[in-house]
Amino acid sequence: MGYDALKLELIEWLSKLEDPETIEYLKIVKDSKNSNKDWWNDLSDSEKAGIARGLNDIQNEQTVAHEDVMKKYGL
């Protein structure tokens, strides 16, 4: 599918969209493309702490491979 067809498909989908959260999210995405603002500054302290914990887990090799989780739960 070419970009023009994809854009038309998205326009049609967006014109029928009723979900305010999705519309607001799309607005944020659109505005972020036109801004030099760093999204990190918009995160809450708990979100930043969660990211830091995740990075720390990676550094300390305290992670589980996706494939292992899928096998464990039979997915």
PDB file of N, CA and C in Angstrom:
ATOM      1  N   MET A   1       0.849  -1.174   0.000  1.00  0.00           N
ATOM      2  CA  MET A   1       0.000   0.000   0.000  1.00  0.00           C
ATOM      3  C   MET A   1       0.896   1.239   0.000  1.00  0.00           C
ATOM      4  N   GLY A   2       0.632   2.172  -0.914  1.00  0.00           N
ATOM      5  CA  GLY A   2       1.400   3.401  -0.978  1.00  0.00           C
ATOM      6  C   GLY A   2       1.023   4.353   0.147  1.00  0.00           C
ATOM      7  N   TYR A   3       1.863   5.343   0.337  1.00  0.00           N
ATOM      8  CA  TYR A   3       1.613   6.303   1.425  1.00  0.00           C
ATOM      9  C   TYR A   3       0.336   7.089   1.214  1.00  0.00           C
ATOM     10  N   ASP A   4       0.011   7.435  -0.025  1.00  0.00           N
ATOM     11  CA  ASP A   4      -1.223   8.189  -0.258  1.00  0.00           C
ATOM     12  C   ASP A   4      -2.447   7.379   0.139  1.00  0.00           C
ATOM     13  N   ALA A   5      -2.456   6.091  -0.211  1.00  0.00           N
ATOM     14  CA  ALA A   5      -3.577   5.229   0.163  1.00  0.00           C
ATOM     15  C   ALA A   5      -3.637   5.055   1.672  1.00  0.00           C
ATOM     16  N   LEU A   6      -2.483   4.907   2.287  1.00  0.00           N
ATOM     17  CA  LEU A   6      -2.432   4.757   3.733  1.00  0.00           C
ATOM     18  C   LEU A   6      -2.941   6.020   4.431  1.00  0.00           C
ATOM     19  N   LYS A   7      -2.545   7.169   3.928  1.00  0.00           N
ATOM     20  CA  LYS A   7      -3.017   8.430   4.525  1.00  0.00           C
ATOM     21  C   LYS A   7      -4.529   8.544   4.407  1.00  0.00           C
ATOM     22  N   LEU A   8      -5.073   8.183   3.256  1.00  0.00           N
ATOM     23  CA  LEU A   8      -6.527   8.236   3.085  1.00  0.00           C
ATOM     24  C   LEU A   8      -7.235   7.274   4.030  1.00  0.00           C
ATOM     25  N   GLU A   9      -6.661   6.079   4.205  1.00  0.00           N
ATOM     26  CA  GLU A   9      -7.233   5.115   5.140  1.00  0.00           C
ATOM     27  C   GLU A   9      -7.229   5.674   6.563  1.00  0.00           C
ATOM     28  N   LEU A  10      -6.127   6.309   6.946  1.00  0.00           N
ATOM     29  CA  LEU A  10      -6.037   6.889   8.291  1.00  0.00           C
ATOM     30  C   LEU A  10      -6.998   8.058   8.461  1.00  0.00           C
ATOM     31  N   ILE A  11      -7.144   8.872   7.440  1.00  0.00           N
ATOM     32  CA  ILE A  11      -8.084  10.001   7.506  1.00  0.00           C
ATOM     33  C   ILE A  11      -9.501   9.485   7.706  1.00  0.00           C
ATOM     34  N   GLU A  12      -9.869   8.454   6.940  1.00  0.00           N
ATOM     35  CA  GLU A  12     -11.210   7.880   7.074  1.00  0.00           C
ATOM     36  C   GLU A  12     -11.415   7.309   8.476  1.00  0.00           C
ATOM     37  N   TRP A  13     -10.414   6.578   8.978  1.00  0.00           N
ATOM     38  CA  TRP A  13     -10.500   5.996  10.317  1.00  0.00           C
ATOM     39  C   TRP A  13     -10.628   7.086  11.373  1.00  0.00           C
ATOM     40  N   LEU A  14      -9.802   8.120  11.246  1.00  0.00           N
ATOM     41  CA  LEU A  14      -9.814   9.200  12.230  1.00  0.00           C
ATOM     42  C   LEU A  14     -11.140   9.954  12.219  1.00  0.00           C
ATOM     43  N   SER A  15     -11.720  10.133  11.051  1.00  0.00           N
ATOM     44  CA  SER A  15     -12.988  10.860  10.963  1.00  0.00           C
ATOM     45  C   SER A  15     -14.120  10.137  11.679  1.00  0.00           C
ATOM     46  N   LYS A  16     -13.998   8.819  11.839  1.00  0.00           N
ATOM     47  CA  LYS A  16     -15.031   8.028  12.511  1.00  0.00           C
ATOM     48  C   LYS A  16     -14.685   7.712  13.961  1.00  0.00           C
ATOM     49  N   LEU A  17     -13.496   8.078  14.387  1.00  0.00           N
ATOM     50  CA  LEU A  17     -13.009   7.743  15.723  1.00  0.00           C
ATOM     51  C   LEU A  17     -13.807   8.476  16.793  1.00  0.00           C
ATOM     52  N   GLU A  18     -14.254   7.746  17.807  1.00  0.00           N
ATOM     53  CA  GLU A  18     -15.049   8.313  18.894  1.00  0.00           C
ATOM     54  C   GLU A  18     -14.329   8.292  20.238  1.00  0.00           C
ATOM     55  N   ASP A  19     -13.164   7.665  20.301  1.00  0.00           N
ATOM     56  CA  ASP A  19     -12.444   7.482  21.561  1.00  0.00           C
ATOM     57  C   ASP A  19     -11.614   8.728  21.895  1.00  0.00           C
ATOM     58  N   PRO A  20     -12.017   9.498  22.901  1.00  0.00           N
ATOM     59  CA  PRO A  20     -11.301  10.734  23.237  1.00  0.00           C
ATOM     60  C   PRO A  20      -9.842  10.503  23.632  1.00  0.00           C
ATOM     61  N   GLU A  21      -9.553   9.398  24.312  1.00  0.00           N
ATOM     62  CA  GLU A  21      -8.169   9.132  24.730  1.00  0.00           C
ATOM     63  C   GLU A  21      -7.267   8.918  23.522  1.00  0.00           C
ATOM     64  N   THR A  22      -7.750   8.183  22.544  1.00  0.00           N
ATOM     65  CA  THR A  22      -6.958   7.940  21.336  1.00  0.00           C
ATOM     66  C   THR A  22      -6.763   9.230  20.562  1.00  0.00           C
ATOM     67  N   ILE A  23      -7.800  10.036  20.470  1.00  0.00           N
ATOM     68  CA  ILE A  23      -7.698  11.314  19.767  1.00  0.00           C
ATOM     69  C   ILE A  23      -6.675  12.211  20.461  1.00  0.00           C
ATOM     70  N   GLU A  24      -6.733  12.267  21.775  1.00  0.00           N
ATOM     71  CA  GLU A  24      -5.790  13.093  22.528  1.00  0.00           C
ATOM     72  C   GLU A  24      -4.365  12.569  22.351  1.00  0.00           C
ATOM     73  N   TYR A  25      -4.191  11.260  22.368  1.00  0.00           N
ATOM     74  CA  TYR A  25      -2.866  10.667  22.164  1.00  0.00           C
ATOM     75  C   TYR A  25      -2.324  11.027  20.784  1.00  0.00           C
ATOM     76  N   LEU A  26      -3.166  10.926  19.774  1.00  0.00           N
ATOM     77  CA  LEU A  26      -2.735  11.267  18.415  1.00  0.00           C
ATOM     78  C   LEU A  26      -2.344  12.741  18.314  1.00  0.00           C
ATOM     79  N   LYS A  27      -3.042  13.595  19.026  1.00  0.00           N
ATOM     80  CA  LYS A  27      -2.706  15.024  19.046  1.00  0.00           C
ATOM     81  C   LYS A  27      -1.323  15.222  19.661  1.00  0.00           C
ATOM     82  N   ILE A  28      -1.035  14.495  20.738  1.00  0.00           N
ATOM     83  CA  ILE A  28       0.273  14.589  21.387  1.00  0.00           C
ATOM     84  C   ILE A  28       1.362  14.129  20.424  1.00  0.00           C
ATOM     85  N   VAL A  29       1.116  13.035  19.729  1.00  0.00           N
ATOM     86  CA  VAL A  29       2.093  12.529  18.764  1.00  0.00           C
ATOM     87  C   VAL A  29       2.326  13.570  17.672  1.00  0.00           C
ATOM     88  N   LYS A  30       1.249  14.132  17.143  1.00  0.00           N
ATOM     89  CA  LYS A  30       1.374  15.147  16.095  1.00  0.00           C
ATOM     90  C   LYS A  30       2.161  16.354  16.591  1.00  0.00           C
ATOM     91  N   ASP A  31       1.828  16.833  17.758  1.00  0.00           N
ATOM     92  CA  ASP A  31       2.499  18.015  18.297  1.00  0.00           C
ATOM     93  C   ASP A  31       3.961  17.737  18.619  1.00  0.00           C
ATOM     94  N   SER A  32       4.285  16.512  19.002  1.00  0.00           N
ATOM     95  CA  SER A  32       5.666  16.197  19.365  1.00  0.00           C
ATOM     96  C   SER A  32       6.583  16.263  18.156  1.00  0.00           C
ATOM     97  N   LYS A  33       6.056  16.042  16.973  1.00  0.00           N
ATOM     98  CA  LYS A  33       6.856  16.115  15.749  1.00  0.00           C
ATOM     99  C   LYS A  33       7.261  17.561  15.441  1.00  0.00           C
ATOM    100  N   ASN A  34       6.477  18.510  15.929  1.00  0.00           N
ATOM    101  CA  ASN A  34       6.729  19.922  15.642  1.00  0.00           C
ATOM    102  C   ASN A  34       7.426  20.638  16.791  1.00  0.00           C
ATOM    103  N   SER A  35       7.910  19.889  17.733  1.00  0.00           N
ATOM    104  CA  SER A  35       8.472  20.498  18.931  1.00  0.00           C
ATOM    105  C   SER A  35       9.874  19.950  19.190  1.00  0.00           C
ATOM    106  N   ASN A  36      10.709  20.774  19.730  1.00  0.00           N
ATOM    107  CA  ASN A  36      12.031  20.321  20.151  1.00  0.00           C
ATOM    108  C   ASN A  36      12.016  19.937  21.623  1.00  0.00           C
ATOM    109  N   LYS A  37      10.827  19.896  22.195  1.00  0.00           N
ATOM    110  CA  LYS A  37      10.656  19.596  23.604  1.00  0.00           C
ATOM    111  C   LYS A  37      10.994  18.131  23.876  1.00  0.00           C
ATOM    112  N   ASP A  38      11.690  17.878  24.941  1.00  0.00           N
ATOM    113  CA  ASP A  38      12.080  16.532  25.330  1.00  0.00           C
ATOM    114  C   ASP A  38      10.939  15.898  26.134  1.00  0.00           C
ATOM    115  N   TRP A  39      10.417  14.755  25.648  1.00  0.00           N
ATOM    116  CA  TRP A  39       9.295  14.106  26.311  1.00  0.00           C
ATOM    117  C   TRP A  39       9.648  13.652  27.720  1.00  0.00           C
ATOM    118  N   TRP A  40      10.914  13.448  28.003  1.00  0.00           N
ATOM    119  CA  TRP A  40      11.335  13.015  29.337  1.00  0.00           C
ATOM    120  C   TRP A  40      10.833  13.987  30.404  1.00  0.00           C
ATOM    121  N   ASN A  41      10.827  15.265  30.077  1.00  0.00           N
ATOM    122  CA  ASN A  41      10.405  16.285  31.037  1.00  0.00           C
ATOM    123  C   ASN A  41       8.919  16.204  31.365  1.00  0.00           C
ATOM    124  N   ASP A  42       8.142  15.531  30.519  1.00  0.00           N
ATOM    125  CA  ASP A  42       6.703  15.402  30.755  1.00  0.00           C
ATOM    126  C   ASP A  42       6.345  14.162  31.575  1.00  0.00           C
ATOM    127  N   LEU A  43       7.326  13.308  31.835  1.00  0.00           N
ATOM    128  CA  LEU A  43       7.059  12.102  32.617  1.00  0.00           C
ATOM    129  C   LEU A  43       6.952  12.433  34.097  1.00  0.00           C
ATOM    130  N   SER A  44       6.121  11.652  34.784  1.00  0.00           N
ATOM    131  CA  SER A  44       6.014  11.815  36.232  1.00  0.00           C
ATOM    132  C   SER A  44       7.240  11.196  36.891  1.00  0.00           C
ATOM    133  N   ASP A  45       7.449  11.519  38.159  1.00  0.00           N
ATOM    134  CA  ASP A  45       8.570  10.946  38.892  1.00  0.00           C
ATOM    135  C   ASP A  45       8.464   9.423  38.966  1.00  0.00           C
ATOM    136  N   SER A  46       7.244   8.905  39.118  1.00  0.00           N
ATOM    137  CA  SER A  46       7.089   7.448  39.203  1.00  0.00           C
ATOM    138  C   SER A  46       7.382   6.795  37.850  1.00  0.00           C
ATOM    139  N   GLU A  47       7.041   7.451  36.743  1.00  0.00           N
ATOM    140  CA  GLU A  47       7.375   6.907  35.422  1.00  0.00           C
ATOM    141  C   GLU A  47       8.886   6.885  35.209  1.00  0.00           C
ATOM    142  N   LYS A  48       9.540   7.977  35.605  1.00  0.00           N
ATOM    143  CA  LYS A  48      11.004   8.037  35.487  1.00  0.00           C
ATOM    144  C   LYS A  48      11.665   6.971  36.359  1.00  0.00           C
ATOM    145  N   ALA A  49      11.121   6.766  37.560  1.00  0.00           N
ATOM    146  CA  ALA A  49      11.670   5.753  38.455  1.00  0.00           C
ATOM    147  C   ALA A  49      11.487   4.356  37.862  1.00  0.00           C
ATOM    148  N   GLY A  50      10.357   4.105  37.228  1.00  0.00           N
ATOM    149  CA  GLY A  50      10.118   2.811  36.597  1.00  0.00           C
ATOM    150  C   GLY A  50      11.097   2.541  35.463  1.00  0.00           C
ATOM    151  N   ILE A  51      11.376   3.558  34.680  1.00  0.00           N
ATOM    152  CA  ILE A  51      12.351   3.414  33.601  1.00  0.00           C
ATOM    153  C   ILE A  51      13.732   3.142  34.185  1.00  0.00           C
ATOM    154  N   ALA A  52      14.081   3.866  35.243  1.00  0.00           N
ATOM    155  CA  ALA A  52      15.386   3.667  35.889  1.00  0.00           C
ATOM    156  C   ALA A  52      15.506   2.240  36.428  1.00  0.00           C
ATOM    157  N   ARG A  53      14.432   1.723  37.022  1.00  0.00           N
ATOM    158  CA  ARG A  53      14.454   0.346  37.535  1.00  0.00           C
ATOM    159  C   ARG A  53      14.667  -0.643  36.391  1.00  0.00           C
ATOM    160  N   GLY A  54      13.976  -0.413  35.289  1.00  0.00           N
ATOM    161  CA  GLY A  54      14.128  -1.301  34.138  1.00  0.00           C
ATOM    162  C   GLY A  54      15.536  -1.286  33.587  1.00  0.00           C
ATOM    163  N   LEU A  55      16.121  -0.099  33.465  1.00  0.00           N
ATOM    164  CA  LEU A  55      17.501   0.003  32.977  1.00  0.00           C
ATOM    165  C   LEU A  55      18.473  -0.663  33.941  1.00  0.00           C
ATOM    166  N   ASN A  56      18.216  -0.510  35.231  1.00  0.00           N
ATOM    167  CA  ASN A  56      19.054  -1.146  36.248  1.00  0.00           C
ATOM    168  C   ASN A  56      18.956  -2.674  36.141  1.00  0.00           C
ATOM    169  N   ASP A  57      17.747  -3.180  35.926  1.00  0.00           N
ATOM    170  CA  ASP A  57      17.573  -4.631  35.756  1.00  0.00           C
ATOM    171  C   ASP A  57      18.367  -5.130  34.555  1.00  0.00           C
ATOM    172  N   ILE A  58      18.360  -4.372  33.473  1.00  0.00           N
ATOM    173  CA  ILE A  58      19.117  -4.771  32.276  1.00  0.00           C
ATOM    174  C   ILE A  58      20.608  -4.793  32.583  1.00  0.00           C
ATOM    175  N   GLN A  59      21.102  -3.753  33.236  1.00  0.00           N
ATOM    176  CA  GLN A  59      22.525  -3.694  33.562  1.00  0.00           C
ATOM    177  C   GLN A  59      22.948  -4.842  34.469  1.00  0.00           C
ATOM    178  N   ASN A  60      22.070  -5.246  35.373  1.00  0.00           N
ATOM    179  CA  ASN A  60      22.373  -6.315  36.323  1.00  0.00           C
ATOM    180  C   ASN A  60      21.939  -7.689  35.821  1.00  0.00           C
ATOM    181  N   GLU A  61      21.595  -7.755  34.551  1.00  0.00           N
ATOM    182  CA  GLU A  61      21.175  -9.006  33.910  1.00  0.00           C
ATOM    183  C   GLU A  61      20.050  -9.697  34.679  1.00  0.00           C
ATOM    184  N   GLN A  62      19.111  -8.904  35.157  1.00  0.00           N
ATOM    185  CA  GLN A  62      17.953  -9.435  35.876  1.00  0.00           C
ATOM    186  C   GLN A  62      16.718  -9.364  34.978  1.00  0.00           C
ATOM    187  N   THR A  63      16.843  -9.950  33.803  1.00  0.00           N
ATOM    188  CA  THR A  63      15.745  -9.954  32.849  1.00  0.00           C
ATOM    189  C   THR A  63      15.461 -11.382  32.412  1.00  0.00           C
ATOM    190  N   VAL A  64      14.320 -11.577  31.788  1.00  0.00           N
ATOM    191  CA  VAL A  64      13.928 -12.877  31.250  1.00  0.00           C
ATOM    192  C   VAL A  64      13.647 -12.678  29.769  1.00  0.00           C
ATOM    193  N   ALA A  65      14.172 -13.564  28.952  1.00  0.00           N
ATOM    194  CA  ALA A  65      13.962 -13.466  27.510  1.00  0.00           C
ATOM    195  C   ALA A  65      12.489 -13.657  27.173  1.00  0.00           C
ATOM    196  N   HIS A  66      12.038 -12.921  26.176  1.00  0.00           N
ATOM    197  CA  HIS A  66      10.650 -13.009  25.724  1.00  0.00           C
ATOM    198  C   HIS A  66      10.275 -14.460  25.386  1.00  0.00           C
ATOM    199  N   GLU A  67      11.171 -15.139  24.702  1.00  0.00           N
ATOM    200  CA  GLU A  67      10.913 -16.525  24.306  1.00  0.00           C
ATOM    201  C   GLU A  67      10.687 -17.421  25.520  1.00  0.00           C
ATOM    202  N   ASP A  68      11.441 -17.188  26.596  1.00  0.00           N
ATOM    203  CA  ASP A  68      11.297 -17.989  27.809  1.00  0.00           C
ATOM    204  C   ASP A  68       9.935 -17.763  28.463  1.00  0.00           C
ATOM    205  N   VAL A  69       9.483 -16.526  28.474  1.00  0.00           N
ATOM    206  CA  VAL A  69       8.169 -16.218  29.050  1.00  0.00           C
ATOM    207  C   VAL A  69       7.078 -16.882  28.210  1.00  0.00           C
ATOM    208  N   MET A  70       7.220 -16.799  26.889  1.00  0.00           N
ATOM    209  CA  MET A  70       6.228 -17.416  25.991  1.00  0.00           C
ATOM    210  C   MET A  70       6.166 -18.928  26.236  1.00  0.00           C
ATOM    211  N   LYS A  71       7.310 -19.571  26.391  1.00  0.00           N
ATOM    212  CA  LYS A  71       7.348 -21.022  26.641  1.00  0.00           C
ATOM    213  C   LYS A  71       6.708 -21.339  27.989  1.00  0.00           C
ATOM    214  N   LYS A  72       7.055 -20.549  28.996  1.00  0.00           N
ATOM    215  CA  LYS A  72       6.550 -20.802  30.345  1.00  0.00           C
ATOM    216  C   LYS A  72       5.022 -20.784  30.392  1.00  0.00           C
ATOM    217  N   TYR A  73       4.414 -19.866  29.652  1.00  0.00           N
ATOM    218  CA  TYR A  73       2.970 -19.730  29.685  1.00  0.00           C
ATOM    219  C   TYR A  73       2.277 -20.377  28.489  1.00  0.00           C
ATOM    220  N   GLY A  74       3.057 -21.162  27.744  1.00  0.00           N
ATOM    221  CA  GLY A  74       2.476 -21.914  26.633  1.00  0.00           C
ATOM    222  C   GLY A  74       1.930 -21.055  25.513  1.00  0.00           C
ATOM    223  N   LEU A  75       2.587 -19.957  25.284  1.00  0.00           N
ATOM    224  CA  LEU A  75       2.131 -19.054  24.211  1.00  0.00           C
ATOM    225  C   LEU A  75       3.013 -19.126  22.991  1.00  0.00           C
TER     226      LEU A  75
END
